[in-house]
């Protein structure tokens, strides 16, 4: 299932329950470890409760798009309908609640970050640093619950793949950020 050391992780959950935040944290983590990644988001609506998913494709080589060849599907809710026709049945399904059962509710999402870090041989310390940066304005007790989930996800996952980081430093940039930076660099001073 691994094609030239390209892995794809899918995070599936209800909109408003941290799917995008978890996907962004994963993309930031992989970039901080100098792995190339592409983060694809899909959601029904911006209304809380609709189903959403992110696909994070990571590789030791440049990634120009996501892949529906999913290696691991992380479920933030135990049963979801989204994407059943978009991925094949051979991908591993992992419930966030199984990765960190002792961690309460929404904090379990960050167990996905720990689990994917372990699967790609990314050090736990980098996963913790990424989550601290992502939640830098969070109250200390809530931050610690997120970090506990990261640790549990890491502990409860076996390493499956080793990806060699790129020699140069990589930075995660969203599509919107790339368009804005390109506009500024090209001299655009007004946009309507």
Protein backbone atom coordinates (compact mmCIF):
# COMPACT_ATOMS: atom_id res chain seq x y z
CA UNK A 1 0.00 0.00 0.00
CA UNK A 2 2.97 2.37 0.38
CA UNK A 3 3.90 3.87 -2.98
CA UNK A 4 7.48 5.22 -3.10
CA UNK A 5 7.26 6.08 0.60
CA UNK A 6 4.19 8.24 0.17
CA UNK A 7 1.67 7.84 2.97
CA UNK A 8 -1.84 9.24 3.26
CA UNK A 9 -3.72 9.73 6.49
CA UNK A 10 -7.41 10.59 6.53
CA UNK A 11 -9.02 12.29 9.53
CA UNK A 12 -12.79 11.94 9.56
CA UNK A 13 -15.18 13.60 12.01
CA UNK A 14 -17.99 16.04 12.56
CA UNK A 15 -17.48 19.64 11.47
CA UNK A 16 -16.76 21.77 14.51
CA UNK A 17 -15.04 18.94 16.37
CA UNK A 18 -11.43 19.64 15.45
CA UNK A 19 -11.00 17.85 12.12
CA UNK A 20 -9.32 20.85 10.46
CA UNK A 21 -7.26 21.70 13.54
CA UNK A 22 -6.00 18.11 13.73
CA UNK A 23 -5.16 18.11 10.01
CA UNK A 24 -3.33 21.42 10.26
CA UNK A 25 -1.36 20.18 13.28
CA UNK A 26 -0.32 17.07 11.33
CA UNK A 27 0.77 19.10 8.31
CA UNK A 28 2.74 21.47 10.57
CA UNK A 29 4.34 18.48 12.30
CA UNK A 30 5.47 16.85 9.07
CA UNK A 31 6.86 20.13 7.71
CA UNK A 32 8.76 20.70 10.98
CA UNK A 33 10.33 17.25 10.48
CA UNK A 34 11.28 18.26 6.92
CA UNK A 35 8.82 15.89 5.28
CA UNK A 36 6.83 17.05 2.27
CA UNK A 37 3.08 17.05 2.74
CA UNK A 38 -0.20 18.11 1.19
CA UNK A 39 -3.28 18.77 3.32
CA UNK A 40 -6.63 18.41 1.54
CA UNK A 41 -9.81 19.51 3.35
CA UNK A 42 -13.40 18.64 2.53
CA UNK A 43 -16.50 19.52 4.49
CA UNK A 44 -20.26 19.56 3.96
CA UNK A 45 -20.78 23.00 5.40
CA UNK A 46 -19.42 25.29 8.04
CA UNK A 47 -22.32 24.38 10.28
CA UNK A 48 -21.34 22.32 13.30
CA UNK A 49 -22.34 18.68 12.96
CA UNK A 50 -21.85 18.13 9.22
CA UNK A 51 -19.20 15.56 8.33
CA UNK A 52 -15.72 16.69 7.33
CA UNK A 53 -12.40 15.12 6.54
CA UNK A 54 -8.80 16.00 5.86
CA UNK A 55 -6.35 13.91 3.87
CA UNK A 56 -2.72 14.52 4.68
CA UNK A 57 -0.33 12.97 2.18
CA UNK A 58 3.27 12.89 3.36
CA UNK A 59 6.46 11.83 1.60
CA UNK A 60 10.20 12.18 1.54
CA UNK A 61 9.78 13.59 -1.98
CA UNK A 62 7.77 16.70 -3.01
CA UNK A 63 3.99 16.13 -2.88
CA UNK A 64 1.85 18.07 -5.35
CA UNK A 65 -1.57 16.69 -4.43
CA UNK A 66 -3.35 14.45 -1.97
CA UNK A 67 -3.87 10.75 -2.59
CA UNK A 68 -7.05 8.75 -2.01
CA UNK A 69 -4.81 5.71 -1.50
CA UNK A 70 -5.32 6.02 2.26
CA UNK A 71 -3.03 4.10 4.60
CA UNK A 72 -4.77 4.99 7.87
CA UNK A 73 -8.25 6.43 8.45
CA UNK A 74 -8.52 8.13 11.82
CA UNK A 75 -12.10 8.33 13.02
CA UNK A 76 -12.86 11.15 15.44
CA UNK A 77 -16.35 9.70 15.81
CA UNK A 78 -16.99 5.97 16.00
CA UNK A 79 -19.24 5.69 12.95
CA UNK A 80 -19.22 8.04 10.00
CA UNK A 81 -20.66 7.90 6.49
CA UNK A 82 -18.32 10.33 4.73
CA UNK A 83 -15.98 9.04 2.01
CA UNK A 84 -17.12 5.40 1.97
CA UNK A 85 -16.98 5.49 -1.83
CA UNK A 86 -13.70 7.42 -1.98
CA UNK A 87 -11.30 5.04 -0.27
CA UNK A 88 -10.86 1.33 -0.59
CA UNK A 89 -11.54 -1.05 2.27
CA UNK A 90 -7.90 -1.99 2.80
CA UNK A 91 -6.94 1.13 4.75
CA UNK A 92 -6.48 0.69 8.47
CA UNK A 93 -9.27 2.28 10.52
CA UNK A 94 -8.29 3.70 13.89
CA UNK A 95 -10.66 5.34 16.35
CA UNK A 96 -9.19 8.29 18.23
CA UNK A 97 -11.08 7.02 21.27
CA UNK A 98 -9.10 3.75 21.11
CA UNK A 99 -5.77 5.57 20.94
CA UNK A 100 -6.41 7.57 24.11
CA UNK A 101 -9.42 6.12 25.96
CA UNK A 102 -8.39 7.75 29.25
CA UNK A 103 -8.41 11.23 27.67
CA UNK A 104 -11.77 12.98 27.58
CA UNK A 105 -13.74 13.86 24.44
CA UNK A 106 -12.40 16.45 22.05
CA UNK A 107 -8.86 16.16 23.39
CA UNK A 108 -8.68 12.67 21.86
CA UNK A 109 -8.21 14.32 18.45
CA UNK A 110 -4.60 15.08 19.30
CA UNK A 111 -3.97 11.35 19.79
CA UNK A 112 -4.10 11.23 15.98
CA UNK A 113 -1.09 13.58 15.85
CA UNK A 114 0.86 11.28 18.17
CA UNK A 115 -0.15 8.18 16.24
CA UNK A 116 0.76 9.57 12.81
CA UNK A 117 4.07 10.85 14.22
CA UNK A 118 4.91 7.34 15.42
CA UNK A 119 3.86 5.80 12.10
CA UNK A 120 6.29 8.07 10.23
CA UNK A 121 9.15 7.79 12.75
CA UNK A 122 8.76 11.45 13.68
CA UNK A 123 10.01 12.08 17.24
CA UNK A 124 7.41 12.54 19.99
CA UNK A 125 9.15 15.76 21.04
CA UNK A 126 8.37 17.31 17.64
CA UNK A 127 4.71 16.30 17.96
CA UNK A 128 4.53 17.87 21.43
CA UNK A 129 6.24 21.05 20.20
CA UNK A 130 3.80 21.30 17.28
CA UNK A 131 0.76 20.94 19.54
CA UNK A 132 2.17 23.50 21.99
CA UNK A 133 2.59 25.98 19.12
CA UNK A 134 -0.89 25.21 17.73
CA UNK A 135 -2.51 25.77 21.14
CA UNK A 136 -0.20 28.44 22.53
CA UNK A 137 -3.10 30.58 23.78
CA UNK A 138 -4.94 27.70 25.45
CA UNK A 139 -5.28 27.47 29.22
CA UNK A 140 -2.52 25.33 30.77
CA UNK A 141 -4.82 22.48 31.91
CA UNK A 142 -6.40 22.19 28.44
CA UNK A 143 -3.01 22.27 26.75
CA UNK A 144 -1.84 19.47 29.04
CA UNK A 145 -4.89 17.34 28.09
CA UNK A 146 -3.99 17.79 24.41
CA UNK A 147 -0.37 16.84 25.12
CA UNK A 148 -1.48 13.79 27.11
CA UNK A 149 -3.52 12.68 24.09
CA UNK A 150 -0.47 13.13 21.81
CA UNK A 151 1.61 10.95 24.15
CA UNK A 152 -1.09 8.25 24.35
CA UNK A 153 -1.49 8.19 20.57
CA UNK A 154 2.28 7.80 20.21
CA UNK A 155 2.47 5.06 22.86
CA UNK A 156 -0.46 3.09 21.43
CA UNK A 157 0.85 2.99 17.85
CA UNK A 158 3.57 0.82 16.39
CA UNK A 159 6.05 2.46 14.04
CA UNK A 160 5.33 1.29 10.52
CA UNK A 161 7.44 3.40 8.16
CA UNK A 162 10.64 5.40 8.13
CA UNK A 163 10.61 8.48 5.95
CA UNK A 164 13.88 10.28 5.36
CA UNK A 165 13.52 14.02 6.02
CA UNK A 166 14.62 16.47 3.33
CA UNK A 167 17.96 18.20 3.75
CA UNK A 168 16.44 21.68 3.57
CA UNK A 169 14.08 23.24 6.10
CA UNK A 170 10.45 23.03 5.01
CA UNK A 171 7.54 25.21 6.00
CA UNK A 172 3.85 24.40 5.85
CA UNK A 173 1.89 27.01 3.90
CA UNK A 174 -1.84 26.87 3.16
CA UNK A 175 -3.14 27.60 -0.32
CA UNK A 176 -4.61 30.91 0.83
CA UNK A 177 -1.28 31.95 2.35
CA UNK A 178 0.57 30.99 -0.84
CA UNK A 179 -1.81 33.05 -3.01
CA UNK A 180 -1.47 36.05 -0.68
CA UNK A 181 2.33 35.82 -0.60
CA UNK A 182 2.52 35.40 -4.37
CA UNK A 183 0.31 38.47 -4.84
CA UNK A 184 2.50 40.60 -2.60
CA UNK A 185 5.72 39.38 -4.23
CA UNK A 186 4.33 40.13 -7.69
CA UNK A 187 3.63 43.73 -6.69
CA UNK A 188 -0.14 43.56 -6.28
CA UNK A 189 -1.11 46.33 -3.90
CA UNK A 190 -4.92 46.30 -4.15
CA UNK A 191 -7.29 43.34 -4.36
CA UNK A 192 -11.08 43.51 -4.63
